[in-house]
Amino acid sequence: MFVTKETKKDNGTHLDLYISASGERFVPVNLGLPEYMDEVSNLDYHVIDVTPDGLVLLCVNHGKSLSNLYTSTKITPYEVEFTLSMERVMYYNPHVTWHDSWLSNTAGNQSFADVYKVDGLRGIYVASQIVDGSMHKDAIQPDDLVSKITFDQGGVWTDIQGPETDDEGFKFNDCEASGRKPACSLHLSQQLSKRFPSTRSIPILSSRSAVGIVLATGSMGRTLEHRSDVFLSADAGLSWHQVLKGSYYFNIGDHGGVIVAVKYFKTEGRTNELVYSTNEGVDWKTIKFYHEPLKIFGLLTEPGENTTIFTMFGSANSPTGDS
């Protein structure tokens, strides 16, 4: 259980976090801040995940644009300690961060952190990190973000190693090696991109019914780009390959035995074709599902992703030409 308590400090309001484990007494949280952060305040908290064995991944906001991830190292009835996991994570709170930007119109009063937990496996998360040079911008955009992945519950974050070539075998633009370090990596769309007016990108998808399969909209480059394609990992994010060019709605069925996708109207226009794969995106087949192209607004399946029945919803032209 988590509770906060507001206190006053010389530099303004501060929120203290208390945690109670298994109904025991509430214990103040020690974030274990490094020395260079001794003077920062804690303005807001966002719990990313609590694992079955009681480990906590926590997002803490320290100012207008600065939010960090912390992982718990000790939670007892007498001590609660965390350690810094990753700096500059993308976090939005309408009362604290980016509240004068476009996010106030598209996200409203809903707080979110750009951190995704891969379903079905322990300790794997994907997070969006704000590039250092964008920390003082008044309005953040997708190209201010880079993606990081951890396989050990936030102990170590690394770049996402994308494919060397696209689905046609061509090298990605802007991905030539610079010394020993590649000039680019794979960046995946999450909640910020989903709300960005000109993209409205589809966020990451995984399922405990199809362990290891992860579908995502993203781009290869130095940062996340506005124009994205569809990438798939069959090993929970360790390796990736591009499976479709452009933006698509996608979903998983039959415990991963079938993957279905349909073009996203906002960026790709109308369509009357659905594509599907039965070999984890290596090959795709096409089905024409209507006699004329439609505006498609969603692609759904039953909870659990173990059926082969999918539902699309959209709209056709009216007799006057409108939709």
C-alpha atoms as a PDB file:
ATOM      1  CA  MET A   1       0.000   0.000   0.000  1.00  0.00           C
ATOM      2  CA  PHE A   2       1.250   3.476  -0.874  1.00  0.00           C
ATOM      3  CA  VAL A   3       0.442   6.845   0.733  1.00  0.00           C
ATOM      4  CA  THR A   4       1.947  10.312   0.314  1.00  0.00           C
ATOM      5  CA  LYS A   5       2.384  13.155   2.764  1.00  0.00           C
ATOM      6  CA  GLU A   6       2.942  16.781   1.768  1.00  0.00           C
ATOM      7  CA  THR A   7       5.675  18.695   3.534  1.00  0.00           C
ATOM      8  CA  LYS A   8       7.244  22.127   3.088  1.00  0.00           C
ATOM      9  CA  LYS A   9      10.887  22.614   2.142  1.00  0.00           C
ATOM     10  CA  ASP A  10      12.984  25.715   1.492  1.00  0.00           C
ATOM     11  CA  ASN A  11      12.574  25.198  -2.251  1.00  0.00           C
ATOM     12  CA  GLY A  12       8.813  24.585  -2.114  1.00  0.00           C
ATOM     13  CA  THR A  13       6.340  21.751  -1.646  1.00  0.00           C
ATOM     14  CA  HIS A  14       7.633  18.204  -1.263  1.00  0.00           C
ATOM     15  CA  LEU A  15       5.793  14.869  -1.252  1.00  0.00           C
ATOM     16  CA  ASP A  16       7.042  12.068   0.979  1.00  0.00           C
ATOM     17  CA  LEU A  17       6.103   8.513   0.024  1.00  0.00           C
ATOM     18  CA  TYR A  18       5.303   5.799   2.565  1.00  0.00           C
ATOM     19  CA  ILE A  19       4.919   2.093   1.834  1.00  0.00           C
ATOM     20  CA  SER A  20       3.210  -0.588   3.889  1.00  0.00           C
ATOM     21  CA  ALA A  21       4.168  -4.181   3.098  1.00  0.00           C
ATOM     22  CA  SER A  22       1.571  -6.871   3.845  1.00  0.00           C
ATOM     23  CA  GLY A  23      -0.506  -4.617   6.050  1.00  0.00           C
ATOM     24  CA  GLU A  24       2.397  -3.658   8.317  1.00  0.00           C
ATOM     25  CA  ARG A  25       3.256  -0.124   9.463  1.00  0.00           C
ATOM     26  CA  PHE A  26       3.859   2.613   6.896  1.00  0.00           C
ATOM     27  CA  VAL A  27       7.559   3.233   6.375  1.00  0.00           C
ATOM     28  CA  PRO A  28       9.066   6.325   4.685  1.00  0.00           C
ATOM     29  CA  VAL A  29      10.765   5.653   1.350  1.00  0.00           C
ATOM     30  CA  ASN A  30      14.468   6.355   0.978  1.00  0.00           C
ATOM     31  CA  LEU A  31      15.168   6.889  -2.736  1.00  0.00           C
ATOM     32  CA  GLY A  32      18.931   6.749  -2.303  1.00  0.00           C
ATOM     33  CA  LEU A  33      19.406   9.888  -4.393  1.00  0.00           C
ATOM     34  CA  PRO A  34      22.896  10.582  -5.715  1.00  0.00           C
ATOM     35  CA  GLU A  35      24.683  13.614  -4.266  1.00  0.00           C
ATOM     36  CA  TYR A  36      24.030  15.844  -7.262  1.00  0.00           C
ATOM     37  CA  MET A  37      20.267  15.429  -6.645  1.00  0.00           C
ATOM     38  CA  ASP A  38      20.280  16.239  -2.918  1.00  0.00           C
ATOM     39  CA  GLU A  39      18.415  19.515  -3.428  1.00  0.00           C
ATOM     40  CA  VAL A  40      15.620  18.248  -5.703  1.00  0.00           C
ATOM     41  CA  SER A  41      12.046  17.867  -4.501  1.00  0.00           C
ATOM     42  CA  ASN A  42       9.727  14.928  -5.038  1.00  0.00           C
ATOM     43  CA  LEU A  43       6.555  16.375  -6.548  1.00  0.00           C
ATOM     44  CA  ASP A  44       4.689  13.271  -7.683  1.00  0.00           C
ATOM     45  CA  TYR A  45       4.873   9.473  -7.727  1.00  0.00           C
ATOM     46  CA  HIS A  46       3.650   6.954 -10.291  1.00  0.00           C
ATOM     47  CA  VAL A  47       3.841   3.222  -9.551  1.00  0.00           C
ATOM     48  CA  ILE A  48       4.869   1.401 -12.743  1.00  0.00           C
ATOM     49  CA  ASP A  49       4.729  -2.156 -11.448  1.00  0.00           C
ATOM     50  CA  VAL A  50       4.689  -4.303  -8.324  1.00  0.00           C
ATOM     51  CA  THR A  51       5.946  -7.834  -8.960  1.00  0.00           C
ATOM     52  CA  PRO A  52       4.500 -10.950  -7.299  1.00  0.00           C
ATOM     53  CA  ASP A  53       7.542 -11.091  -5.028  1.00  0.00           C
ATOM     54  CA  GLY A  54       7.108  -7.479  -3.923  1.00  0.00           C
ATOM     55  CA  LEU A  55       9.673  -5.577  -5.995  1.00  0.00           C
ATOM     56  CA  VAL A  56       8.512  -2.090  -7.030  1.00  0.00           C
ATOM     57  CA  LEU A  57       9.342  -0.032 -10.126  1.00  0.00           C
ATOM     58  CA  LEU A  58       8.545   3.589  -9.354  1.00  0.00           C
ATOM     59  CA  CYS A  59       8.512   6.821 -11.367  1.00  0.00           C
ATOM     60  CA  VAL A  60       9.242   9.963  -9.331  1.00  0.00           C
ATOM     61  CA  ASN A  61       8.759  13.468 -10.676  1.00  0.00           C
ATOM     62  CA  HIS A  62      11.304  16.042  -9.514  1.00  0.00           C
ATOM     63  CA  GLY A  63      10.251  19.102 -11.523  1.00  0.00           C
ATOM     64  CA  LYS A  64       8.637  20.523 -14.636  1.00  0.00           C
ATOM     65  CA  SER A  65      10.319  18.026 -16.967  1.00  0.00           C
ATOM     66  CA  LEU A  66      12.571  15.819 -14.816  1.00  0.00           C
ATOM     67  CA  SER A  67      11.230  12.392 -13.801  1.00  0.00           C
ATOM     68  CA  ASN A  68      13.328   9.350 -12.917  1.00  0.00           C
ATOM     69  CA  LEU A  69      12.748   5.629 -12.492  1.00  0.00           C
ATOM     70  CA  TYR A  70      13.666   3.913  -9.229  1.00  0.00           C
ATOM     71  CA  THR A  71      13.676   0.238  -8.268  1.00  0.00           C
ATOM     72  CA  SER A  72      13.195  -1.105  -4.753  1.00  0.00           C
ATOM     73  CA  THR A  73      16.147  -2.827  -3.082  1.00  0.00           C
ATOM     74  CA  LYS A  74      14.624  -3.401   0.365  1.00  0.00           C
ATOM     75  CA  ILE A  75      11.030  -3.340   1.642  1.00  0.00           C
ATOM     76  CA  THR A  76      10.568  -4.434   5.248  1.00  0.00           C
ATOM     77  CA  PRO A  77       8.358  -3.274   8.149  1.00  0.00           C
ATOM     78  CA  TYR A  78      11.293  -1.071   9.217  1.00  0.00           C
ATOM     79  CA  GLU A  79      13.103   0.053   6.076  1.00  0.00           C
ATOM     80  CA  VAL A  80      12.139   0.881   2.480  1.00  0.00           C
ATOM     81  CA  GLU A  81      15.003   1.627   0.142  1.00  0.00           C
ATOM     82  CA  PHE A  82      15.145   2.336  -3.579  1.00  0.00           C
ATOM     83  CA  THR A  83      17.939   2.995  -6.029  1.00  0.00           C
ATOM     84  CA  LEU A  84      18.060   5.123  -9.174  1.00  0.00           C
ATOM     85  CA  SER A  85      17.265   2.992 -12.231  1.00  0.00           C
ATOM     86  CA  MET A  86      17.005   5.447 -15.144  1.00  0.00           C
ATOM     87  CA  GLU A  87      17.029   9.232 -15.454  1.00  0.00           C
ATOM     88  CA  ARG A  88      14.796  11.432 -17.607  1.00  0.00           C
ATOM     89  CA  VAL A  89      11.930   9.024 -18.185  1.00  0.00           C
ATOM     90  CA  MET A  90       8.940  10.463 -20.070  1.00  0.00           C
ATOM     91  CA  TYR A  91       6.212  11.184 -17.513  1.00  0.00           C
ATOM     92  CA  TYR A  92       3.148  13.386 -17.846  1.00  0.00           C
ATOM     93  CA  ASN A  93       1.057  14.822 -15.038  1.00  0.00           C
ATOM     94  CA  PRO A  94      -1.418  17.571 -15.973  1.00  0.00           C
ATOM     95  CA  HIS A  95      -0.686  19.446 -12.732  1.00  0.00           C
ATOM     96  CA  VAL A  96       3.099  19.158 -12.756  1.00  0.00           C
ATOM     97  CA  THR A  97       4.726  18.307 -16.096  1.00  0.00           C
ATOM     98  CA  TRP A  98       4.189  19.667 -19.624  1.00  0.00           C
ATOM     99  CA  HIS A  99       0.807  21.121 -18.565  1.00  0.00           C
ATOM    100  CA  ASP A 100       1.124  24.106 -20.938  1.00  0.00           C
ATOM    101  CA  SER A 101       1.781  21.953 -24.001  1.00  0.00           C
ATOM    102  CA  TRP A 102      -0.388  20.095 -26.524  1.00  0.00           C
ATOM    103  CA  LEU A 103      -0.631  17.235 -24.001  1.00  0.00           C
ATOM    104  CA  SER A 104      -3.176  19.198 -21.983  1.00  0.00           C
ATOM    105  CA  ASN A 105      -5.569  18.856 -24.955  1.00  0.00           C
ATOM    106  CA  THR A 106      -4.957  15.217 -25.910  1.00  0.00           C
ATOM    107  CA  ALA A 107      -4.162  13.585 -22.547  1.00  0.00           C
ATOM    108  CA  GLY A 108      -6.464  15.707 -20.400  1.00  0.00           C
ATOM    109  CA  ASN A 109      -6.329  14.817 -16.715  1.00  0.00           C
ATOM    110  CA  GLN A 110      -4.854  11.359 -17.275  1.00  0.00           C
ATOM    111  CA  SER A 111      -1.289  10.891 -16.013  1.00  0.00           C
ATOM    112  CA  PHE A 112       0.988   8.402 -17.755  1.00  0.00           C
ATOM    113  CA  ALA A 113       4.570   7.211 -17.857  1.00  0.00           C
ATOM    114  CA  ASP A 114       6.130   5.920 -21.064  1.00  0.00           C
ATOM    115  CA  VAL A 115       7.129   2.596 -19.512  1.00  0.00           C
ATOM    116  CA  TYR A 116       5.781  -0.714 -20.826  1.00  0.00           C
ATOM    117  CA  LYS A 117       5.939  -4.102 -19.097  1.00  0.00           C
ATOM    118  CA  VAL A 118       6.275  -7.060 -21.481  1.00  0.00           C
ATOM    119  CA  ASP A 119       3.496  -9.499 -20.535  1.00  0.00           C
ATOM    120  CA  GLY A 120       4.184 -13.087 -19.625  1.00  0.00           C
ATOM    121  CA  LEU A 121       7.810 -12.690 -18.521  1.00  0.00           C
ATOM    122  CA  ARG A 122       9.377 -11.151 -15.445  1.00  0.00           C
ATOM    123  CA  GLY A 123      11.616  -8.121 -15.380  1.00  0.00           C
ATOM    124  CA  ILE A 124      11.348  -6.917 -19.006  1.00  0.00           C
ATOM    125  CA  TYR A 125      10.336  -3.276 -19.513  1.00  0.00           C
ATOM    126  CA  VAL A 126      10.608  -0.748 -22.338  1.00  0.00           C
ATOM    127  CA  ALA A 127      10.910   2.933 -21.411  1.00  0.00           C
ATOM    128  CA  SER A 128      11.040   6.227 -23.291  1.00  0.00           C
ATOM    129  CA  GLN A 129      13.885   8.476 -22.162  1.00  0.00           C
ATOM    130  CA  ILE A 130      13.960  12.202 -22.938  1.00  0.00           C
ATOM    131  CA  VAL A 131      17.171  13.191 -24.726  1.00  0.00           C
ATOM    132  CA  ASP A 132      19.267  15.495 -22.597  1.00  0.00           C
ATOM    133  CA  GLY A 133      19.002  18.437 -24.975  1.00  0.00           C
ATOM    134  CA  SER A 134      15.178  18.424 -24.844  1.00  0.00           C
ATOM    135  CA  MET A 135      14.733  18.683 -21.081  1.00  0.00           C
ATOM    136  CA  HIS A 136      13.962  22.397 -21.123  1.00  0.00           C
ATOM    137  CA  LYS A 137      11.565  22.442 -24.074  1.00  0.00           C
ATOM    138  CA  ASP A 138       8.097  23.853 -23.448  1.00  0.00           C
ATOM    139  CA  ALA A 139       6.451  21.270 -25.713  1.00  0.00           C
ATOM    140  CA  ILE A 140       7.833  17.754 -26.016  1.00  0.00           C
ATOM    141  CA  GLN A 141       7.441  15.657 -29.184  1.00  0.00           C
ATOM    142  CA  PRO A 142       8.136  12.035 -30.166  1.00  0.00           C
ATOM    143  CA  ASP A 143      11.503  12.953 -31.709  1.00  0.00           C
ATOM    144  CA  ASP A 144      12.659  14.133 -28.266  1.00  0.00           C
ATOM    145  CA  LEU A 145      12.569  10.505 -27.073  1.00  0.00           C
ATOM    146  CA  VAL A 146      14.796   7.453 -27.284  1.00  0.00           C
ATOM    147  CA  SER A 147      13.801   3.928 -26.248  1.00  0.00           C
ATOM    148  CA  LYS A 148      15.598   1.766 -23.695  1.00  0.00           C
ATOM    149  CA  ILE A 149      14.978  -1.831 -22.586  1.00  0.00           C
ATOM    150  CA  THR A 150      15.805  -3.755 -19.425  1.00  0.00           C
ATOM    151  CA  PHE A 151      15.753  -7.521 -18.887  1.00  0.00           C
ATOM    152  CA  ASP A 152      16.586  -7.434 -15.172  1.00  0.00           C
ATOM    153  CA  GLN A 153      13.833  -5.295 -13.653  1.00  0.00           C
ATOM    154  CA  GLY A 154      15.552  -1.961 -14.182  1.00  0.00           C
ATOM    155  CA  GLY A 155      19.044  -2.976 -13.101  1.00  0.00           C
ATOM    156  CA  VAL A 156      20.566  -2.176 -16.496  1.00  0.00           C
ATOM    157  CA  TRP A 157      18.949  -0.283 -19.378  1.00  0.00           C
ATOM    158  CA  THR A 158      20.306  -0.615 -22.904  1.00  0.00           C
ATOM    159  CA  ASP A 159      19.483   0.569 -26.415  1.00  0.00           C
ATOM    160  CA  ILE A 160      17.017  -1.635 -28.281  1.00  0.00           C
ATOM    161  CA  GLN A 161      18.988  -3.504 -30.908  1.00  0.00           C
ATOM    162  CA  GLY A 162      16.903  -3.331 -34.057  1.00  0.00           C
ATOM    163  CA  PRO A 163      17.444  -5.144 -37.359  1.00  0.00           C
ATOM    164  CA  GLU A 164      20.297  -4.280 -39.702  1.00  0.00           C
ATOM    165  CA  THR A 165      17.963  -4.167 -42.703  1.00  0.00           C
ATOM    166  CA  ASP A 166      14.299  -3.509 -43.402  1.00  0.00           C
ATOM    167  CA  ASP A 167      11.805  -6.136 -44.565  1.00  0.00           C
ATOM    168  CA  GLU A 168      13.135  -5.826 -48.134  1.00  0.00           C
ATOM    169  CA  GLY A 169      16.785  -6.233 -47.183  1.00  0.00           C
ATOM    170  CA  PHE A 170      17.805  -2.576 -47.497  1.00  0.00           C
ATOM    171  CA  LYS A 171      19.869  -0.706 -44.902  1.00  0.00           C
ATOM    172  CA  PHE A 172      17.971   1.834 -42.826  1.00  0.00           C
ATOM    173  CA  ASN A 173      18.718   5.475 -43.539  1.00  0.00           C
ATOM    174  CA  ASP A 174      20.896   7.225 -40.951  1.00  0.00           C
ATOM    175  CA  CYS A 175      22.117   3.943 -39.472  1.00  0.00           C
ATOM    176  CA  GLU A 176      25.745   3.844 -40.549  1.00  0.00           C
ATOM    177  CA  ALA A 177      28.228   2.943 -37.834  1.00  0.00           C
ATOM    178  CA  SER A 178      30.116   5.752 -36.142  1.00  0.00           C
ATOM    179  CA  GLY A 179      33.297   4.286 -34.642  1.00  0.00           C
ATOM    180  CA  ARG A 180      32.338   1.315 -32.496  1.00  0.00           C
ATOM    181  CA  LYS A 181      28.914   2.576 -31.512  1.00  0.00           C
ATOM    182  CA  PRO A 182      26.029   2.343 -34.010  1.00  0.00           C
ATOM    183  CA  ALA A 183      24.579   5.692 -34.967  1.00  0.00           C
ATOM    184  CA  CYS A 184      21.067   4.441 -34.348  1.00  0.00           C
ATOM    185  CA  SER A 185      18.904   1.919 -32.560  1.00  0.00           C
ATOM    186  CA  LEU A 186      15.234   0.933 -32.505  1.00  0.00           C
ATOM    187  CA  HIS A 187      12.784   3.349 -30.875  1.00  0.00           C
ATOM    188  CA  LEU A 188       9.221   2.319 -30.054  1.00  0.00           C
ATOM    189  CA  SER A 189       6.040   4.373 -29.772  1.00  0.00           C
ATOM    190  CA  GLN A 190       4.288   4.433 -26.415  1.00  0.00           C
ATOM    191  CA  GLN A 191       1.717   6.669 -24.729  1.00  0.00           C
ATOM    192  CA  LEU A 192       3.200  10.020 -25.784  1.00  0.00           C
ATOM    193  CA  SER A 193       3.164   9.040 -29.466  1.00  0.00           C
ATOM    194  CA  LYS A 194      -0.334   7.603 -29.085  1.00  0.00           C
ATOM    195  CA  ARG A 195      -1.526  11.057 -28.011  1.00  0.00           C
ATOM    196  CA  PHE A 196       0.598  13.155 -30.391  1.00  0.00           C
ATOM    197  CA  PRO A 197      -1.868  14.868 -32.778  1.00  0.00           C
ATOM    198  CA  SER A 198      -0.081  14.199 -36.082  1.00  0.00           C
ATOM    199  CA  THR A 199       0.782  10.548 -35.418  1.00  0.00           C
ATOM    200  CA  ARG A 200      -1.570   8.912 -32.865  1.00  0.00           C
ATOM    201  CA  SER A 201       0.743   5.888 -33.110  1.00  0.00           C
ATOM    202  CA  ILE A 202      -0.291   2.425 -31.962  1.00  0.00           C
ATOM    203  CA  PRO A 203       1.562   1.484 -28.740  1.00  0.00           C
ATOM    204  CA  ILE A 204       3.416  -1.731 -27.866  1.00  0.00           C
ATOM    205  CA  LEU A 205       1.476  -5.001 -27.659  1.00  0.00           C
ATOM    206  CA  SER A 206       2.349  -8.284 -25.934  1.00  0.00           C
ATOM    207  CA  SER A 207       0.335 -11.046 -24.286  1.00  0.00           C
ATOM    208  CA  ARG A 208       0.911 -13.676 -21.617  1.00  0.00           C
ATOM    209  CA  SER A 209      -0.995 -16.003 -23.959  1.00  0.00           C
ATOM    210  CA  ALA A 210       1.733 -15.585 -26.597  1.00  0.00           C
ATOM    211  CA  VAL A 211       4.873 -15.468 -24.488  1.00  0.00           C
ATOM    212  CA  GLY A 212       7.823 -13.759 -26.143  1.00  0.00           C
ATOM    213  CA  ILE A 213       5.951 -12.106 -29.018  1.00  0.00           C
ATOM    214  CA  VAL A 214       6.059  -8.293 -28.918  1.00  0.00           C
ATOM    215  CA  LEU A 215       4.558  -6.056 -31.620  1.00  0.00           C
ATOM    216  CA  ALA A 216       5.331  -2.352 -31.787  1.00  0.00           C
ATOM    217  CA  THR A 217       5.207   0.741 -33.943  1.00  0.00           C
ATOM    218  CA  GLY A 218       8.622   2.328 -34.180  1.00  0.00           C
ATOM    219  CA  SER A 219      11.564   3.557 -36.207  1.00  0.00           C
ATOM    220  CA  MET A 220      15.278   2.992 -36.604  1.00  0.00           C
ATOM    221  CA  GLY A 221      17.345   6.108 -35.993  1.00  0.00           C
ATOM    222  CA  ARG A 222      18.930   8.348 -33.384  1.00  0.00           C
ATOM    223  CA  THR A 223      15.535   9.196 -31.848  1.00  0.00           C
ATOM    224  CA  LEU A 224      11.911   8.200 -32.337  1.00  0.00           C
ATOM    225  CA  GLU A 225      10.539   9.536 -35.615  1.00  0.00           C
ATOM    226  CA  HIS A 226       7.076  10.754 -36.552  1.00  0.00           C
ATOM    227  CA  ARG A 227       6.915   8.296 -39.439  1.00  0.00           C
ATOM    228  CA  SER A 228       6.910   4.737 -38.113  1.00  0.00           C
ATOM    229  CA  ASP A 229       6.732   1.121 -39.249  1.00  0.00           C
ATOM    230  CA  VAL A 230       5.748  -2.134 -37.529  1.00  0.00           C
ATOM    231  CA  PHE A 231       8.418  -4.229 -35.814  1.00  0.00           C
ATOM    232  CA  LEU A 232       8.139  -7.646 -34.171  1.00  0.00           C
ATOM    233  CA  SER A 233      10.217  -9.499 -31.613  1.00  0.00           C
ATOM    234  CA  ALA A 234       9.754 -13.227 -31.063  1.00  0.00           C
ATOM    235  CA  ASP A 235      12.157 -13.347 -28.106  1.00  0.00           C
ATOM    236  CA  ALA A 236      10.648 -10.750 -25.741  1.00  0.00           C
ATOM    237  CA  GLY A 237      12.613  -7.791 -27.094  1.00  0.00           C
ATOM    238  CA  LEU A 238      16.082  -9.292 -27.461  1.00  0.00           C
ATOM    239  CA  SER A 239      16.007  -9.100 -31.274  1.00  0.00           C
ATOM    240  CA  TRP A 240      13.632  -7.424 -33.728  1.00  0.00           C
ATOM    241  CA  HIS A 241      12.722  -7.389 -37.390  1.00  0.00           C
ATOM    242  CA  GLN A 242      10.619  -5.039 -39.466  1.00  0.00           C
ATOM    243  CA  VAL A 243       7.459  -6.797 -40.607  1.00  0.00           C
ATOM    244  CA  LEU A 244       5.329  -4.051 -42.187  1.00  0.00           C
ATOM    245  CA  LYS A 245       6.063  -0.623 -43.633  1.00  0.00           C
ATOM    246  CA  GLY A 246       3.758   2.155 -42.437  1.00  0.00           C
ATOM    247  CA  SER A 247       1.353   2.404 -39.505  1.00  0.00           C
ATOM    248  CA  TYR A 248      -1.061  -0.431 -38.735  1.00  0.00           C
ATOM    249  CA  TYR A 249      -3.480  -1.592 -36.112  1.00  0.00           C
ATOM    250  CA  PHE A 250      -2.326  -5.053 -35.042  1.00  0.00           C
ATOM    251  CA  ASN A 251      -3.409  -7.857 -32.767  1.00  0.00           C
ATOM    252  CA  ILE A 252      -2.442 -11.379 -31.721  1.00  0.00           C
ATOM    253  CA  GLY A 253      -4.587 -14.517 -31.792  1.00  0.00           C
ATOM    254  CA  ASP A 254      -4.383 -18.284 -31.279  1.00  0.00           C
ATOM    255  CA  HIS A 255      -1.648 -17.963 -28.622  1.00  0.00           C
ATOM    256  CA  GLY A 256       0.594 -16.217 -31.132  1.00  0.00           C
ATOM    257  CA  GLY A 257      -0.239 -18.604 -33.973  1.00  0.00           C
ATOM    258  CA  VAL A 258      -1.742 -15.769 -36.005  1.00  0.00           C
ATOM    259  CA  ILE A 259      -0.960 -12.047 -36.160  1.00  0.00           C
ATOM    260  CA  VAL A 260      -3.432  -9.740 -37.881  1.00  0.00           C
ATOM    261  CA  ALA A 261      -2.916  -6.143 -39.061  1.00  0.00           C
ATOM    262  CA  VAL A 262      -4.861  -3.481 -40.934  1.00  0.00           C
ATOM    263  CA  LYS A 263      -3.708  -0.052 -42.137  1.00  0.00           C
ATOM    264  CA  TYR A 264      -4.137   2.841 -39.726  1.00  0.00           C
ATOM    265  CA  PHE A 265      -6.439   5.370 -41.393  1.00  0.00           C
ATOM    266  CA  LYS A 266      -4.939   8.547 -39.919  1.00  0.00           C
ATOM    267  CA  THR A 267      -1.574   8.034 -41.601  1.00  0.00           C
ATOM    268  CA  GLU A 268      -2.187   5.396 -44.280  1.00  0.00           C
ATOM    269  CA  GLY A 269      -5.657   6.313 -45.580  1.00  0.00           C
ATOM    270  CA  ARG A 270      -8.618   4.053 -46.318  1.00  0.00           C
ATOM    271  CA  THR A 271      -8.307   0.320 -46.895  1.00  0.00           C
ATOM    272  CA  ASN A 272     -10.407  -2.780 -47.521  1.00  0.00           C
ATOM    273  CA  GLU A 273      -7.558  -5.230 -47.019  1.00  0.00           C
ATOM    274  CA  LEU A 274      -6.437  -7.074 -43.915  1.00  0.00           C
ATOM    275  CA  VAL A 275      -3.074  -8.829 -43.700  1.00  0.00           C
ATOM    276  CA  TYR A 276      -2.233 -11.803 -41.503  1.00  0.00           C
ATOM    277  CA  SER A 277       0.779 -13.958 -40.686  1.00  0.00           C
ATOM    278  CA  THR A 278       1.012 -17.460 -39.250  1.00  0.00           C
ATOM    279  CA  ASN A 279       4.812 -17.506 -38.907  1.00  0.00           C
ATOM    280  CA  GLU A 280       5.550 -14.527 -36.636  1.00  0.00           C
ATOM    281  CA  GLY A 281       5.593 -11.912 -39.369  1.00  0.00           C
ATOM    282  CA  VAL A 282       7.974 -13.620 -41.799  1.00  0.00           C
ATOM    283  CA  ASP A 283       5.265 -13.952 -44.475  1.00  0.00           C
ATOM    284  CA  TRP A 284       1.952 -12.128 -44.851  1.00  0.00           C
ATOM    285  CA  LYS A 285      -1.244 -12.969 -46.706  1.00  0.00           C
ATOM    286  CA  THR A 286      -3.950 -10.505 -47.702  1.00  0.00           C
ATOM    287  CA  ILE A 287      -7.738 -10.719 -47.387  1.00  0.00           C
ATOM    288  CA  LYS A 288     -10.140  -8.231 -48.992  1.00  0.00           C
ATOM    289  CA  PHE A 289     -12.909  -7.801 -46.420  1.00  0.00           C
ATOM    290  CA  TYR A 290     -15.144  -5.186 -48.093  1.00  0.00           C
ATOM    291  CA  HIS A 291     -16.015  -4.032 -51.596  1.00  0.00           C
ATOM    292  CA  GLU A 292     -14.700  -0.488 -51.049  1.00  0.00           C
ATOM    293  CA  PRO A 293     -11.963   1.075 -48.870  1.00  0.00           C
ATOM    294  CA  LEU A 294     -13.035   2.126 -45.374  1.00  0.00           C
ATOM    295  CA  LYS A 295     -11.753   4.317 -42.583  1.00  0.00           C
ATOM    296  CA  ILE A 296     -10.594   1.763 -40.000  1.00  0.00           C
ATOM    297  CA  PHE A 297     -10.525   2.894 -36.375  1.00  0.00           C
ATOM    298  CA  GLY A 298      -9.689  -0.291 -34.479  1.00  0.00           C
ATOM    299  CA  LEU A 299      -8.861  -4.001 -34.542  1.00  0.00           C
ATOM    300  CA  LEU A 300      -9.936  -6.104 -31.568  1.00  0.00           C
ATOM    301  CA  THR A 301      -9.971  -9.678 -30.368  1.00  0.00           C
ATOM    302  CA  GLU A 302     -11.301 -11.354 -27.252  1.00  0.00           C
ATOM    303  CA  PRO A 303      -9.334 -10.924 -24.005  1.00  0.00           C
ATOM    304  CA  GLY A 304      -6.658 -13.580 -23.670  1.00  0.00           C
ATOM    305  CA  GLU A 305      -5.613 -13.530 -27.337  1.00  0.00           C
ATOM    306  CA  ASN A 306      -6.348 -17.243 -27.747  1.00  0.00           C
ATOM    307  CA  THR A 307      -9.070 -17.044 -30.397  1.00  0.00           C
ATOM    308  CA  THR A 308      -8.898 -16.659 -34.181  1.00  0.00           C
ATOM    309  CA  ILE A 309     -11.875 -14.277 -34.264  1.00  0.00           C
ATOM    310  CA  PHE A 310     -11.061 -10.593 -34.791  1.00  0.00           C
ATOM    311  CA  THR A 311     -13.324  -7.548 -35.027  1.00  0.00           C
ATOM    312  CA  MET A 312     -12.645  -4.342 -36.965  1.00  0.00           C
ATOM    313  CA  PHE A 313     -14.643  -1.164 -36.744  1.00  0.00           C
ATOM    314  CA  GLY A 314     -14.658   1.751 -39.138  1.00  0.00           C
ATOM    315  CA  SER A 315     -16.816   3.774 -41.490  1.00  0.00           C
ATOM    316  CA  ALA A 316     -17.652   3.881 -45.200  1.00  0.00           C
ATOM    317  CA  ASN A 317     -18.564   6.787 -47.447  1.00  0.00           C
ATOM    318  CA  SER A 318     -22.100   8.072 -47.096  1.00  0.00           C
ATOM    319  CA  PRO A 319     -24.249   8.550 -50.258  1.00  0.00           C
ATOM    320  CA  THR A 320     -23.137  12.196 -50.329  1.00  0.00           C
ATOM    321  CA  GLY A 321     -19.450  11.243 -50.238  1.00  0.00           C
ATOM    322  CA  ASP A 322     -18.932  12.019 -46.575  1.00  0.00           C
ATOM    323  CA  SER A 323     -18.083   9.408 -43.953  1.00  0.00           C
END
